[in-house]
């Protein structure tokens, strides 16, 4: 599973240390896996994640302007499409079943944990270069891919969060992860050369990636608080 996402991502994940497991095996995630997460926590998370995805799509759109090749632009643009037309659609559908319209989601008050994370990612893009932005974006993309692939192995019929798990375990999302992983690999090779760890820029990427991972942990903590 992990090898499908390229070589740069695993190195950054390993550099993040235990915080990666705190993110991908958080109590919120385990509640999703076991089907025991309170519905209120799940819906509260979905509302905030809808807002997050709006900003995340903007960050990927920013990546189009930071790209140096047409191929980089194509991958970033395809990711925007996947976010806006697939991932956000899941949130709208699930929340509609709970009586929340898309206008309710778009107009919801943004939680401080959401503000911290989304603005960090956008700032990475505005103040840094293409690699800074990818390093800040990668924990969400790849982390959800890992989580989805793991949880997808345990989904029984009638599981309360089957649709959410299926979205991230499914081939369409897994392909996004593979494409972003390949994008990251080629972008790093283009800008840092064949031995990126030996360059001054590598420590900066590790810091970006680890910080974004910590903010993912904070996002799950926010979700738990809604329950």
C-alpha atoms as a PDB file:
ATOM      1  CA  UNK A   1       0.000   0.000   0.000  1.00  0.00           C
ATOM      2  CA  UNK A   2       2.591   2.565   1.086  1.00  0.00           C
ATOM      3  CA  UNK A   3       4.966   1.844  -1.802  1.00  0.00           C
ATOM      4  CA  UNK A   4       2.292   2.841  -4.303  1.00  0.00           C
ATOM      5  CA  UNK A   5       2.643   6.474  -3.297  1.00  0.00           C
ATOM      6  CA  UNK A   6       6.187   7.027  -4.548  1.00  0.00           C
ATOM      7  CA  UNK A   7       9.472   7.382  -2.684  1.00  0.00           C
ATOM      8  CA  UNK A   8       9.414  10.972  -1.379  1.00  0.00           C
ATOM      9  CA  UNK A   9       6.283  10.511   0.707  1.00  0.00           C
ATOM     10  CA  UNK A  10       7.563   7.472   2.677  1.00  0.00           C
ATOM     11  CA  UNK A  11      10.787   9.329   3.514  1.00  0.00           C
ATOM     12  CA  UNK A  12       8.886  12.349   4.789  1.00  0.00           C
ATOM     13  CA  UNK A  13       6.472  10.099   6.675  1.00  0.00           C
ATOM     14  CA  UNK A  14       9.371   8.334   8.372  1.00  0.00           C
ATOM     15  CA  UNK A  15      10.968  11.700   9.209  1.00  0.00           C
ATOM     16  CA  UNK A  16       7.736  12.764  10.910  1.00  0.00           C
ATOM     17  CA  UNK A  17       8.222   9.991  13.487  1.00  0.00           C
ATOM     18  CA  UNK A  18       5.444   8.995  15.893  1.00  0.00           C
ATOM     19  CA  UNK A  19       3.200  11.904  14.932  1.00  0.00           C
ATOM     20  CA  UNK A  20       2.284  10.010  11.754  1.00  0.00           C
ATOM     21  CA  UNK A  21       0.761   7.156  13.755  1.00  0.00           C
ATOM     22  CA  UNK A  22      -0.960   9.682  16.031  1.00  0.00           C
ATOM     23  CA  UNK A  23      -2.665  10.954  12.877  1.00  0.00           C
ATOM     24  CA  UNK A  24      -3.457   7.782  10.939  1.00  0.00           C
ATOM     25  CA  UNK A  25      -4.441   5.724  14.002  1.00  0.00           C
ATOM     26  CA  UNK A  26      -6.121   8.462  15.995  1.00  0.00           C
ATOM     27  CA  UNK A  27      -9.109   7.561  18.191  1.00  0.00           C
ATOM     28  CA  UNK A  28     -11.384   9.266  15.643  1.00  0.00           C
ATOM     29  CA  UNK A  29     -10.055   7.003  12.886  1.00  0.00           C
ATOM     30  CA  UNK A  30     -10.374   3.908  15.054  1.00  0.00           C
ATOM     31  CA  UNK A  31     -13.956   4.912  15.856  1.00  0.00           C
ATOM     32  CA  UNK A  32     -14.624   5.035  12.122  1.00  0.00           C
ATOM     33  CA  UNK A  33     -13.030   1.609  11.681  1.00  0.00           C
ATOM     34  CA  UNK A  34     -14.986   0.028  14.520  1.00  0.00           C
ATOM     35  CA  UNK A  35     -18.216   1.850  13.681  1.00  0.00           C
ATOM     36  CA  UNK A  36     -18.389   3.233  17.225  1.00  0.00           C
ATOM     37  CA  UNK A  37     -17.736   6.911  16.464  1.00  0.00           C
ATOM     38  CA  UNK A  38     -20.710   8.994  17.681  1.00  0.00           C
ATOM     39  CA  UNK A  39     -22.819  10.213  14.768  1.00  0.00           C
ATOM     40  CA  UNK A  40     -22.639  13.771  16.117  1.00  0.00           C
ATOM     41  CA  UNK A  41     -18.841  13.634  15.972  1.00  0.00           C
ATOM     42  CA  UNK A  42     -18.932  12.352  12.397  1.00  0.00           C
ATOM     43  CA  UNK A  43     -21.387  14.993  11.191  1.00  0.00           C
ATOM     44  CA  UNK A  44     -19.528  17.788  12.987  1.00  0.00           C
ATOM     45  CA  UNK A  45     -16.334  16.617  11.339  1.00  0.00           C
ATOM     46  CA  UNK A  46     -17.982  16.433   7.903  1.00  0.00           C
ATOM     47  CA  UNK A  47     -19.207  20.023   8.157  1.00  0.00           C
ATOM     48  CA  UNK A  48     -15.720  21.236   9.025  1.00  0.00           C
ATOM     49  CA  UNK A  49     -14.116  18.966   6.433  1.00  0.00           C
ATOM     50  CA  UNK A  50     -16.362  20.454   3.749  1.00  0.00           C
ATOM     51  CA  UNK A  51     -14.930  23.880   4.618  1.00  0.00           C
ATOM     52  CA  UNK A  52     -11.450  22.376   4.726  1.00  0.00           C
ATOM     53  CA  UNK A  53     -11.847  20.868   1.259  1.00  0.00           C
ATOM     54  CA  UNK A  54     -12.905  24.221  -0.171  1.00  0.00           C
ATOM     55  CA  UNK A  55      -9.625  25.729   1.042  1.00  0.00           C
ATOM     56  CA  UNK A  56      -7.693  22.596   0.088  1.00  0.00           C
ATOM     57  CA  UNK A  57      -8.997  22.867  -3.473  1.00  0.00           C
ATOM     58  CA  UNK A  58      -7.849  26.487  -3.527  1.00  0.00           C
ATOM     59  CA  UNK A  59      -4.401  25.366  -2.366  1.00  0.00           C
ATOM     60  CA  UNK A  60      -4.187  22.829  -5.201  1.00  0.00           C
ATOM     61  CA  UNK A  61      -5.315  25.532  -7.607  1.00  0.00           C
ATOM     62  CA  UNK A  62      -2.459  27.654  -6.253  1.00  0.00           C
ATOM     63  CA  UNK A  63      -0.140  24.737  -7.012  1.00  0.00           C
ATOM     64  CA  UNK A  64      -1.104  25.095 -10.674  1.00  0.00           C
ATOM     65  CA  UNK A  65       0.363  28.596 -10.631  1.00  0.00           C
ATOM     66  CA  UNK A  66       3.497  27.414  -8.779  1.00  0.00           C
ATOM     67  CA  UNK A  67       4.137  24.532 -11.199  1.00  0.00           C
ATOM     68  CA  UNK A  68       7.048  24.641 -13.625  1.00  0.00           C
ATOM     69  CA  UNK A  69       5.828  22.108 -16.185  1.00  0.00           C
ATOM     70  CA  UNK A  70       2.557  21.396 -17.961  1.00  0.00           C
ATOM     71  CA  UNK A  71       2.577  17.872 -16.532  1.00  0.00           C
ATOM     72  CA  UNK A  72       2.754  19.297 -13.000  1.00  0.00           C
ATOM     73  CA  UNK A  73      -0.132  21.584 -13.881  1.00  0.00           C
ATOM     74  CA  UNK A  74      -2.206  18.663 -15.197  1.00  0.00           C
ATOM     75  CA  UNK A  75      -1.816  16.630 -12.010  1.00  0.00           C
ATOM     76  CA  UNK A  76      -2.653  19.593  -9.790  1.00  0.00           C
ATOM     77  CA  UNK A  77      -5.690  20.483 -11.888  1.00  0.00           C
ATOM     78  CA  UNK A  78      -6.905  16.867 -11.798  1.00  0.00           C
ATOM     79  CA  UNK A  79      -6.596  16.905  -8.012  1.00  0.00           C
ATOM     80  CA  UNK A  80      -8.723  20.050  -7.825  1.00  0.00           C
ATOM     81  CA  UNK A  81     -11.331  18.233  -9.921  1.00  0.00           C
ATOM     82  CA  UNK A  82     -11.264  15.174  -7.617  1.00  0.00           C
ATOM     83  CA  UNK A  83     -11.693  17.372  -4.546  1.00  0.00           C
ATOM     84  CA  UNK A  84     -14.502  19.542  -5.881  1.00  0.00           C
ATOM     85  CA  UNK A  85     -16.464  16.927  -7.798  1.00  0.00           C
ATOM     86  CA  UNK A  86     -15.893  13.720  -5.809  1.00  0.00           C
ATOM     87  CA  UNK A  87     -14.774  14.301  -2.214  1.00  0.00           C
ATOM     88  CA  UNK A  88     -16.955  17.331  -1.554  1.00  0.00           C
ATOM     89  CA  UNK A  89     -19.873  15.461  -3.111  1.00  0.00           C
ATOM     90  CA  UNK A  90     -19.599  12.745  -0.453  1.00  0.00           C
ATOM     91  CA  UNK A  91     -19.892  15.360   2.286  1.00  0.00           C
ATOM     92  CA  UNK A  92     -22.882  17.028   0.639  1.00  0.00           C
ATOM     93  CA  UNK A  93     -24.681  13.680   0.208  1.00  0.00           C
ATOM     94  CA  UNK A  94     -24.068  12.485   3.767  1.00  0.00           C
ATOM     95  CA  UNK A  95     -24.995  15.787   5.367  1.00  0.00           C
ATOM     96  CA  UNK A  96     -28.126  16.096   3.209  1.00  0.00           C
ATOM     97  CA  UNK A  97     -29.317  12.831   4.742  1.00  0.00           C
ATOM     98  CA  UNK A  98     -28.990  14.558   8.135  1.00  0.00           C
ATOM     99  CA  UNK A  99     -30.981  17.588   6.952  1.00  0.00           C
ATOM    100  CA  UNK A 100     -28.036  19.888   6.164  1.00  0.00           C
ATOM    101  CA  UNK A 101     -27.946  21.579   2.771  1.00  0.00           C
ATOM    102  CA  UNK A 102     -24.777  22.545   0.926  1.00  0.00           C
ATOM    103  CA  UNK A 103     -25.497  26.192   1.713  1.00  0.00           C
ATOM    104  CA  UNK A 104     -25.583  25.204   5.401  1.00  0.00           C
ATOM    105  CA  UNK A 105     -22.145  23.624   4.998  1.00  0.00           C
ATOM    106  CA  UNK A 106     -20.649  26.543   3.095  1.00  0.00           C
ATOM    107  CA  UNK A 107     -21.977  29.015   5.661  1.00  0.00           C
ATOM    108  CA  UNK A 108     -20.930  27.077   8.769  1.00  0.00           C
ATOM    109  CA  UNK A 109     -18.587  28.745  11.249  1.00  0.00           C
ATOM    110  CA  UNK A 110     -15.019  27.601  10.788  1.00  0.00           C
ATOM    111  CA  UNK A 111     -13.472  25.893  13.811  1.00  0.00           C
ATOM    112  CA  UNK A 112     -10.084  27.260  15.022  1.00  0.00           C
ATOM    113  CA  UNK A 113      -8.402  23.908  14.261  1.00  0.00           C
ATOM    114  CA  UNK A 114      -9.676  24.198  10.709  1.00  0.00           C
ATOM    115  CA  UNK A 115      -8.444  27.777  10.420  1.00  0.00           C
ATOM    116  CA  UNK A 116      -5.012  26.808  11.682  1.00  0.00           C
ATOM    117  CA  UNK A 117      -4.592  23.942   9.248  1.00  0.00           C
ATOM    118  CA  UNK A 118      -6.007  25.454   6.064  1.00  0.00           C
ATOM    119  CA  UNK A 119      -4.239  28.771   6.495  1.00  0.00           C
ATOM    120  CA  UNK A 120      -0.960  27.003   7.195  1.00  0.00           C
ATOM    121  CA  UNK A 121      -1.244  25.115   3.918  1.00  0.00           C
ATOM    122  CA  UNK A 122      -2.177  28.224   1.952  1.00  0.00           C
ATOM    123  CA  UNK A 123       0.645  30.197   3.572  1.00  0.00           C
ATOM    124  CA  UNK A 124       3.097  27.447   2.626  1.00  0.00           C
ATOM    125  CA  UNK A 125       2.071  27.982  -0.967  1.00  0.00           C
ATOM    126  CA  UNK A 126       2.045  31.762  -0.933  1.00  0.00           C
ATOM    127  CA  UNK A 127       5.310  32.213   0.985  1.00  0.00           C
ATOM    128  CA  UNK A 128       7.152  29.151  -0.331  1.00  0.00           C
ATOM    129  CA  UNK A 129       7.653  27.334  -3.605  1.00  0.00           C
ATOM    130  CA  UNK A 130       5.986  24.350  -5.255  1.00  0.00           C
ATOM    131  CA  UNK A 131       7.740  21.847  -2.964  1.00  0.00           C
ATOM    132  CA  UNK A 132       6.747  23.753   0.172  1.00  0.00           C
ATOM    133  CA  UNK A 133       3.142  23.546  -0.923  1.00  0.00           C
ATOM    134  CA  UNK A 134       3.309  19.853  -1.838  1.00  0.00           C
ATOM    135  CA  UNK A 135       4.900  19.006   1.514  1.00  0.00           C
ATOM    136  CA  UNK A 136       2.058  20.773   3.318  1.00  0.00           C
ATOM    137  CA  UNK A 137      -0.596  19.111   1.131  1.00  0.00           C
ATOM    138  CA  UNK A 138       0.782  15.570   1.161  1.00  0.00           C
ATOM    139  CA  UNK A 139      -0.173  14.462   4.703  1.00  0.00           C
ATOM    140  CA  UNK A 140      -3.867  14.902   3.945  1.00  0.00           C
ATOM    141  CA  UNK A 141      -3.791  13.265   0.519  1.00  0.00           C
ATOM    142  CA  UNK A 142      -1.603  10.286   1.410  1.00  0.00           C
ATOM    143  CA  UNK A 143      -2.784   9.938   4.990  1.00  0.00           C
ATOM    144  CA  UNK A 144      -6.394   9.524   3.927  1.00  0.00           C
ATOM    145  CA  UNK A 145      -5.214   7.060   1.301  1.00  0.00           C
ATOM    146  CA  UNK A 146      -3.445   4.959   3.940  1.00  0.00           C
ATOM    147  CA  UNK A 147      -6.399   5.220   6.307  1.00  0.00           C
ATOM    148  CA  UNK A 148      -8.894   4.307   3.602  1.00  0.00           C
ATOM    149  CA  UNK A 149      -6.868   1.315   2.404  1.00  0.00           C
ATOM    150  CA  UNK A 150      -6.533  -0.030   5.960  1.00  0.00           C
ATOM    151  CA  UNK A 151     -10.135   0.557   7.004  1.00  0.00           C
ATOM    152  CA  UNK A 152     -11.419  -0.799   3.715  1.00  0.00           C
ATOM    153  CA  UNK A 153     -10.189  -4.266   4.670  1.00  0.00           C
ATOM    154  CA  UNK A 154     -12.558  -4.448   7.656  1.00  0.00           C
ATOM    155  CA  UNK A 155     -15.854  -3.062   6.335  1.00  0.00           C
ATOM    156  CA  UNK A 156     -18.719  -5.452   6.939  1.00  0.00           C
ATOM    157  CA  UNK A 157     -22.180  -5.150   5.425  1.00  0.00           C
ATOM    158  CA  UNK A 158     -24.187  -2.422   7.160  1.00  0.00           C
ATOM    159  CA  UNK A 159     -21.121  -0.614   8.511  1.00  0.00           C
ATOM    160  CA  UNK A 160     -22.297   2.914   9.531  1.00  0.00           C
ATOM    161  CA  UNK A 161     -19.369   4.649   7.824  1.00  0.00           C
ATOM    162  CA  UNK A 162     -19.098   2.401   4.770  1.00  0.00           C
ATOM    163  CA  UNK A 163     -19.559   5.247   2.247  1.00  0.00           C
ATOM    164  CA  UNK A 164     -16.803   7.367   3.798  1.00  0.00           C
ATOM    165  CA  UNK A 165     -14.402   4.430   3.983  1.00  0.00           C
ATOM    166  CA  UNK A 166     -15.227   3.332   0.432  1.00  0.00           C
ATOM    167  CA  UNK A 167     -14.411   6.786  -0.917  1.00  0.00           C
ATOM    168  CA  UNK A 168     -10.846   6.691   0.398  1.00  0.00           C
ATOM    169  CA  UNK A 169     -10.309   2.948  -0.075  1.00  0.00           C
ATOM    170  CA  UNK A 170     -11.640   3.069  -3.630  1.00  0.00           C
ATOM    171  CA  UNK A 171      -9.528   2.893  -6.761  1.00  0.00           C
ATOM    172  CA  UNK A 172     -10.357   6.462  -7.812  1.00  0.00           C
ATOM    173  CA  UNK A 173      -8.929   7.997  -4.639  1.00  0.00           C
ATOM    174  CA  UNK A 174      -6.020   5.547  -4.490  1.00  0.00           C
ATOM    175  CA  UNK A 175      -5.119   6.577  -8.031  1.00  0.00           C
ATOM    176  CA  UNK A 176      -5.082  10.220  -6.925  1.00  0.00           C
ATOM    177  CA  UNK A 177      -2.604   9.237  -4.196  1.00  0.00           C
ATOM    178  CA  UNK A 178      -0.390   7.430  -6.683  1.00  0.00           C
ATOM    179  CA  UNK A 179      -0.437  10.382  -9.071  1.00  0.00           C
ATOM    180  CA  UNK A 180       0.353  12.883  -6.330  1.00  0.00           C
ATOM    181  CA  UNK A 181       3.151  10.615  -5.103  1.00  0.00           C
ATOM    182  CA  UNK A 182       4.646  10.499  -8.606  1.00  0.00           C
ATOM    183  CA  UNK A 183       4.233  14.276  -8.918  1.00  0.00           C
ATOM    184  CA  UNK A 184       6.093  14.780  -5.633  1.00  0.00           C
ATOM    185  CA  UNK A 185       8.916  12.470  -6.729  1.00  0.00           C
ATOM    186  CA  UNK A 186       9.480  14.195 -10.054  1.00  0.00           C
ATOM    187  CA  UNK A 187       9.123  17.659  -8.525  1.00  0.00           C
ATOM    188  CA  UNK A 188      11.752  16.868  -5.879  1.00  0.00           C
ATOM    189  CA  UNK A 189      14.140  15.378  -8.453  1.00  0.00           C
ATOM    190  CA  UNK A 190      13.679  18.396 -10.708  1.00  0.00           C
ATOM    191  CA  UNK A 191      14.351  20.927  -7.960  1.00  0.00           C
ATOM    192  CA  UNK A 192      16.637  19.153  -5.453  1.00  0.00           C
ATOM    193  CA  UNK A 193      18.409  16.586  -7.619  1.00  0.00           C
ATOM    194  CA  UNK A 194      18.953  12.838  -7.125  1.00  0.00           C
ATOM    195  CA  UNK A 195      19.974  13.092  -3.440  1.00  0.00           C
ATOM    196  CA  UNK A 196      17.419  15.484  -1.918  1.00  0.00           C
ATOM    197  CA  UNK A 197      18.261  14.578   1.698  1.00  0.00           C
ATOM    198  CA  UNK A 198      21.726  16.041   1.173  1.00  0.00           C
ATOM    199  CA  UNK A 199      20.343  19.457   0.213  1.00  0.00           C
ATOM    200  CA  UNK A 200      19.412  22.331   2.564  1.00  0.00           C
ATOM    201  CA  UNK A 201      15.855  22.231   1.229  1.00  0.00           C
ATOM    202  CA  UNK A 202      15.120  18.745   2.574  1.00  0.00           C
ATOM    203  CA  UNK A 203      14.956  19.793   6.230  1.00  0.00           C
ATOM    204  CA  UNK A 204      12.465  22.485   5.278  1.00  0.00           C
ATOM    205  CA  UNK A 205      10.255  19.954   3.506  1.00  0.00           C
ATOM    206  CA  UNK A 206      10.390  17.633   6.519  1.00  0.00           C
ATOM    207  CA  UNK A 207       9.337  20.492   8.761  1.00  0.00           C
ATOM    208  CA  UNK A 208       6.468  21.433   6.442  1.00  0.00           C
ATOM    209  CA  UNK A 209       5.258  17.850   6.248  1.00  0.00           C
ATOM    210  CA  UNK A 210       5.511  17.193   9.979  1.00  0.00           C
ATOM    211  CA  UNK A 211       3.769  20.441  10.888  1.00  0.00           C
ATOM    212  CA  UNK A 212       0.883  19.642   8.552  1.00  0.00           C
ATOM    213  CA  UNK A 213       0.663  16.158  10.086  1.00  0.00           C
ATOM    214  CA  UNK A 214       0.406  17.677  13.574  1.00  0.00           C
ATOM    215  CA  UNK A 215      -2.402  19.888  12.292  1.00  0.00           C
ATOM    216  CA  UNK A 216      -4.153  16.750  10.990  1.00  0.00           C
ATOM    217  CA  UNK A 217      -4.025  15.349  14.523  1.00  0.00           C
ATOM    218  CA  UNK A 218      -5.618  18.579  15.725  1.00  0.00           C
ATOM    219  CA  UNK A 219      -8.347  18.162  13.111  1.00  0.00           C
ATOM    220  CA  UNK A 220      -9.236  14.711  14.467  1.00  0.00           C
ATOM    221  CA  UNK A 221      -9.215  16.114  18.010  1.00  0.00           C
ATOM    222  CA  UNK A 222     -11.716  18.701  16.829  1.00  0.00           C
ATOM    223  CA  UNK A 223     -13.871  15.914  15.388  1.00  0.00           C
ATOM    224  CA  UNK A 224     -13.851  13.972  18.654  1.00  0.00           C
ATOM    225  CA  UNK A 225     -14.963  17.112  20.518  1.00  0.00           C
ATOM    226  CA  UNK A 226     -18.210  17.204  18.527  1.00  0.00           C
ATOM    227  CA  UNK A 227     -19.271  13.865  19.993  1.00  0.00           C
END
